[in-house]
Amino acid sequence: MARYKQGNEQGKRVKKPLNPTQMRDLALSYVARYATSSAKLERYLARKLRERGWDENAEVQPDIAGLVSRYAELGYIDDEGFARSKSASLMRRGYGKRRVEQVLGQDGISANIREDVAASAAELRHAALALAQKRRFGPFGIQPPDMARREKQVAAMLRYGHNLDSARKMVDAPTTDAAEEWAHELDEDDFA
């Protein structure tokens, strides 16, 4: 039978305080369900601890950092693998270097790992091309952009994390073939 808080008019169920077993189960459930970083798991567990509290009868105090490091040792959490996957996903969606680094930083990925998984110049050009195609910027639009629309398109590319040079090259490309050629220009260098 569900426990209800005294005087709770809505009849919401009050969850029991966490104990070490429940904390482990929550962490295991989270890493099984979501690709995550150590910092994200730590924030999740800290939030659950704030929401539910800790069982006064538990013999040990909550050790979130220890639990997270244990799961990292077991390979349930891999910050570098998470960063590579997240970075690749964001690049395919058209995000530039600055935004990818910003998202990874918010996910608690260290600067060293962010540097290790940073995209190459060729990958950044592909991301700029993907964004231009998706948003119909520059030559991918129905009609050539006028000056005001061009400025808005360049600004949007900057917000997506691309540098000014890449944004201008993509928006100012005379044709879709020229934009694709610029994006693939560095591909040959990677295989040489």
Protein backbone atom coordinates (compact mmCIF):
# COMPACT_ATOMS: atom_id res chain seq x y z
CA MET A 1 0.00 0.00 0.00
CA ALA A 2 1.34 3.44 -0.91
CA ARG A 3 2.40 5.81 1.83
CA TYR A 4 0.81 9.23 1.63
CA LYS A 5 2.05 12.39 3.20
CA GLN A 6 -0.19 13.69 5.97
CA GLY A 7 -2.29 16.57 4.69
CA ASN A 8 -1.33 16.00 1.05
CA GLU A 9 -4.49 17.01 -0.79
CA GLN A 10 -3.40 15.60 -4.13
CA GLY A 11 -2.56 12.20 -2.70
CA LYS A 12 0.93 12.12 -4.19
CA ARG A 13 3.07 9.20 -3.17
CA VAL A 14 5.97 10.01 -0.86
CA LYS A 15 9.09 8.10 -1.86
CA LYS A 16 11.17 6.47 0.82
CA PRO A 17 14.63 7.81 1.57
CA LEU A 18 17.47 6.15 -0.31
CA ASN A 19 19.74 3.49 1.12
CA PRO A 20 23.01 2.16 -0.37
CA THR A 21 21.27 -0.61 -2.36
CA GLN A 22 18.72 1.76 -3.85
CA MET A 23 21.47 4.25 -4.72
CA ARG A 24 23.40 1.52 -6.59
CA ASP A 25 20.22 0.41 -8.34
CA LEU A 26 19.41 3.97 -9.43
CA ALA A 27 22.93 4.43 -10.79
CA LEU A 28 22.91 1.09 -12.59
CA SER A 29 19.50 1.78 -14.10
CA TYR A 30 20.66 5.20 -15.31
CA VAL A 31 23.86 3.96 -16.99
CA ALA A 32 21.95 1.04 -18.55
CA ARG A 33 19.37 3.37 -20.01
CA TYR A 34 21.43 6.40 -21.08
CA ALA A 35 24.84 7.07 -22.57
CA THR A 36 26.33 9.30 -19.93
CA SER A 37 29.46 10.87 -18.52
CA SER A 38 30.76 10.58 -14.97
CA ALA A 39 29.69 14.13 -14.18
CA LYS A 40 26.16 13.62 -15.51
CA LEU A 41 25.72 10.47 -13.43
CA GLU A 42 27.05 12.29 -10.37
CA ARG A 43 24.59 15.18 -10.90
CA TYR A 44 21.72 12.72 -11.36
CA LEU A 45 22.50 10.85 -8.14
CA ALA A 46 22.96 14.10 -6.20
CA ARG A 47 19.56 15.29 -7.43
CA LYS A 48 17.90 12.02 -6.40
CA LEU A 49 19.55 12.27 -2.98
CA ARG A 50 18.23 15.84 -2.57
CA GLU A 51 14.73 14.79 -3.64
CA ARG A 52 14.42 11.67 -1.50
CA GLY A 53 16.94 12.12 1.29
CA TRP A 54 19.10 9.45 2.90
CA ASP A 55 17.85 6.64 5.11
CA GLU A 56 18.73 7.45 8.73
CA ASN A 57 19.03 3.73 9.52
CA ALA A 58 21.69 3.14 6.85
CA GLU A 59 25.02 2.15 8.33
CA VAL A 60 27.06 4.17 5.81
CA GLN A 61 26.81 7.68 4.44
CA PRO A 62 26.12 8.22 0.72
CA ASP A 63 29.27 8.05 -1.41
CA ILE A 64 28.24 9.31 -4.82
CA ALA A 65 31.80 9.96 -6.01
CA GLY A 66 32.88 6.47 -4.98
CA LEU A 67 29.93 4.88 -6.76
CA VAL A 68 30.61 6.86 -9.94
CA SER A 69 34.32 6.00 -9.91
CA ARG A 70 33.47 2.32 -9.34
CA TYR A 71 31.16 2.31 -12.38
CA ALA A 72 33.87 4.03 -14.42
CA GLU A 73 36.36 1.30 -13.37
CA LEU A 74 33.86 -1.37 -14.40
CA GLY A 75 33.50 0.29 -17.80
CA TYR A 76 29.84 1.24 -17.37
CA ILE A 77 30.86 4.87 -17.89
CA ASP A 78 33.40 5.93 -20.48
CA ASP A 79 33.87 9.70 -20.66
CA GLU A 80 36.03 9.55 -23.78
CA GLY A 81 33.65 7.23 -25.62
CA PHE A 82 30.71 9.39 -24.58
CA ALA A 83 32.53 12.52 -25.79
CA ARG A 84 33.38 10.95 -29.17
CA SER A 85 29.82 9.81 -29.70
CA LYS A 86 28.25 13.09 -28.63
CA SER A 87 30.73 15.11 -30.69
CA ALA A 88 30.07 13.06 -33.83
CA SER A 89 26.32 13.37 -33.33
CA LEU A 90 26.49 17.14 -32.95
CA MET A 91 28.77 17.49 -35.97
CA ARG A 92 26.34 15.50 -38.15
CA ARG A 93 23.61 17.92 -37.07
CA GLY A 94 25.74 20.85 -38.23
CA TYR A 95 27.23 22.16 -35.00
CA GLY A 96 30.65 23.80 -35.11
CA LYS A 97 33.68 23.40 -32.88
CA ARG A 98 32.77 26.04 -30.31
CA ARG A 99 29.28 24.67 -29.67
CA VAL A 100 30.50 21.06 -29.51
CA GLU A 101 33.10 22.03 -26.89
CA GLN A 102 30.46 23.98 -24.99
CA VAL A 103 28.06 21.02 -24.87
CA LEU A 104 30.81 18.60 -23.84
CA GLY A 105 31.90 21.01 -21.12
CA GLN A 106 28.33 21.15 -19.79
CA ASP A 107 28.31 17.36 -19.76
CA GLY A 108 31.35 17.42 -17.47
CA ILE A 109 33.93 16.24 -20.01
CA SER A 110 37.45 17.37 -19.07
CA ALA A 111 39.41 19.77 -21.27
CA ASN A 112 41.95 17.04 -22.10
CA ILE A 113 39.29 14.71 -23.45
CA ARG A 114 37.57 17.55 -25.32
CA GLU A 115 40.90 18.31 -26.97
CA ASP A 116 41.45 14.63 -27.85
CA VAL A 117 38.05 14.29 -29.54
CA ALA A 118 38.14 17.68 -31.30
CA ALA A 119 37.06 17.56 -34.92
CA SER A 120 39.51 17.92 -37.77
CA ALA A 121 39.31 20.83 -40.22
CA ALA A 122 37.68 18.54 -42.80
CA GLU A 123 35.03 17.43 -40.29
CA LEU A 124 34.29 21.05 -39.42
CA ARG A 125 33.73 21.84 -43.08
CA HIS A 126 31.37 18.89 -43.39
CA ALA A 127 29.45 20.18 -40.38
CA ALA A 128 29.15 23.63 -41.98
CA LEU A 129 27.87 21.99 -45.16
CA ALA A 130 25.35 19.90 -43.19
CA LEU A 131 24.00 23.01 -41.47
CA ALA A 132 23.75 24.98 -44.71
CA GLN A 133 21.87 22.13 -46.39
CA LYS A 134 19.56 21.60 -43.42
CA ARG A 135 18.72 25.27 -42.95
CA ARG A 136 18.83 26.11 -46.70
CA PHE A 137 21.54 28.71 -46.33
CA GLY A 138 23.42 30.31 -49.20
CA PRO A 139 23.17 28.35 -52.44
CA PHE A 140 20.91 25.73 -50.83
CA GLY A 141 18.07 28.24 -50.51
CA ILE A 142 15.29 28.74 -53.02
CA GLN A 143 16.70 32.08 -54.08
CA PRO A 144 20.03 33.82 -53.50
CA PRO A 145 19.97 35.66 -50.16
CA ASP A 146 19.81 39.45 -50.13
CA MET A 147 22.20 41.32 -47.85
CA ALA A 148 19.93 41.22 -44.76
CA ARG A 149 19.17 37.50 -45.17
CA ARG A 150 22.86 36.76 -45.79
CA GLU A 151 23.80 38.48 -42.52
CA LYS A 152 21.15 36.47 -40.65
CA GLN A 153 22.45 33.23 -42.16
CA VAL A 154 26.04 34.05 -41.22
CA ALA A 155 24.90 34.96 -37.69
CA ALA A 156 23.02 31.66 -37.39
CA MET A 157 26.12 29.72 -38.44
CA LEU A 158 28.13 31.62 -35.83
CA ARG A 159 25.55 30.69 -33.17
CA TYR A 160 25.93 27.07 -34.21
CA GLY A 161 29.62 27.39 -33.36
CA HIS A 162 31.25 27.83 -36.77
CA ASN A 163 33.98 30.38 -37.31
CA LEU A 164 33.33 33.48 -39.40
CA ASP A 165 35.43 32.33 -42.34
CA SER A 166 33.54 29.04 -42.69
CA ALA A 167 30.19 30.77 -42.32
CA ARG A 168 31.02 33.27 -45.04
CA LYS A 169 32.41 30.62 -47.39
CA MET A 170 29.25 28.55 -47.07
CA VAL A 171 26.72 31.37 -47.31
CA ASP A 172 28.58 33.14 -50.14
CA ALA A 173 29.17 30.01 -52.25
CA PRO A 174 27.88 30.71 -55.78
CA THR A 175 26.46 27.20 -56.30
CA THR A 176 25.71 24.07 -54.33
CA ASP A 177 28.53 22.32 -56.19
CA ALA A 178 30.98 25.04 -55.10
CA ALA A 179 29.83 24.68 -51.47
CA GLU A 180 30.21 20.90 -51.58
CA GLU A 181 33.60 21.20 -53.26
CA TRP A 182 34.80 23.57 -50.52
CA ALA A 183 33.52 21.17 -47.84
CA HIS A 184 35.29 18.19 -49.41
CA GLU A 185 38.50 20.05 -50.31
CA LEU A 186 40.40 18.78 -47.27
CA ASP A 187 39.20 15.17 -47.57
CA GLU A 188 41.93 14.35 -50.07
CA ASP A 189 44.60 15.62 -47.68
CA ASP A 190 43.45 13.12 -45.03
CA PHE A 191 44.15 10.17 -47.34
CA ALA A 192 47.44 11.40 -48.81
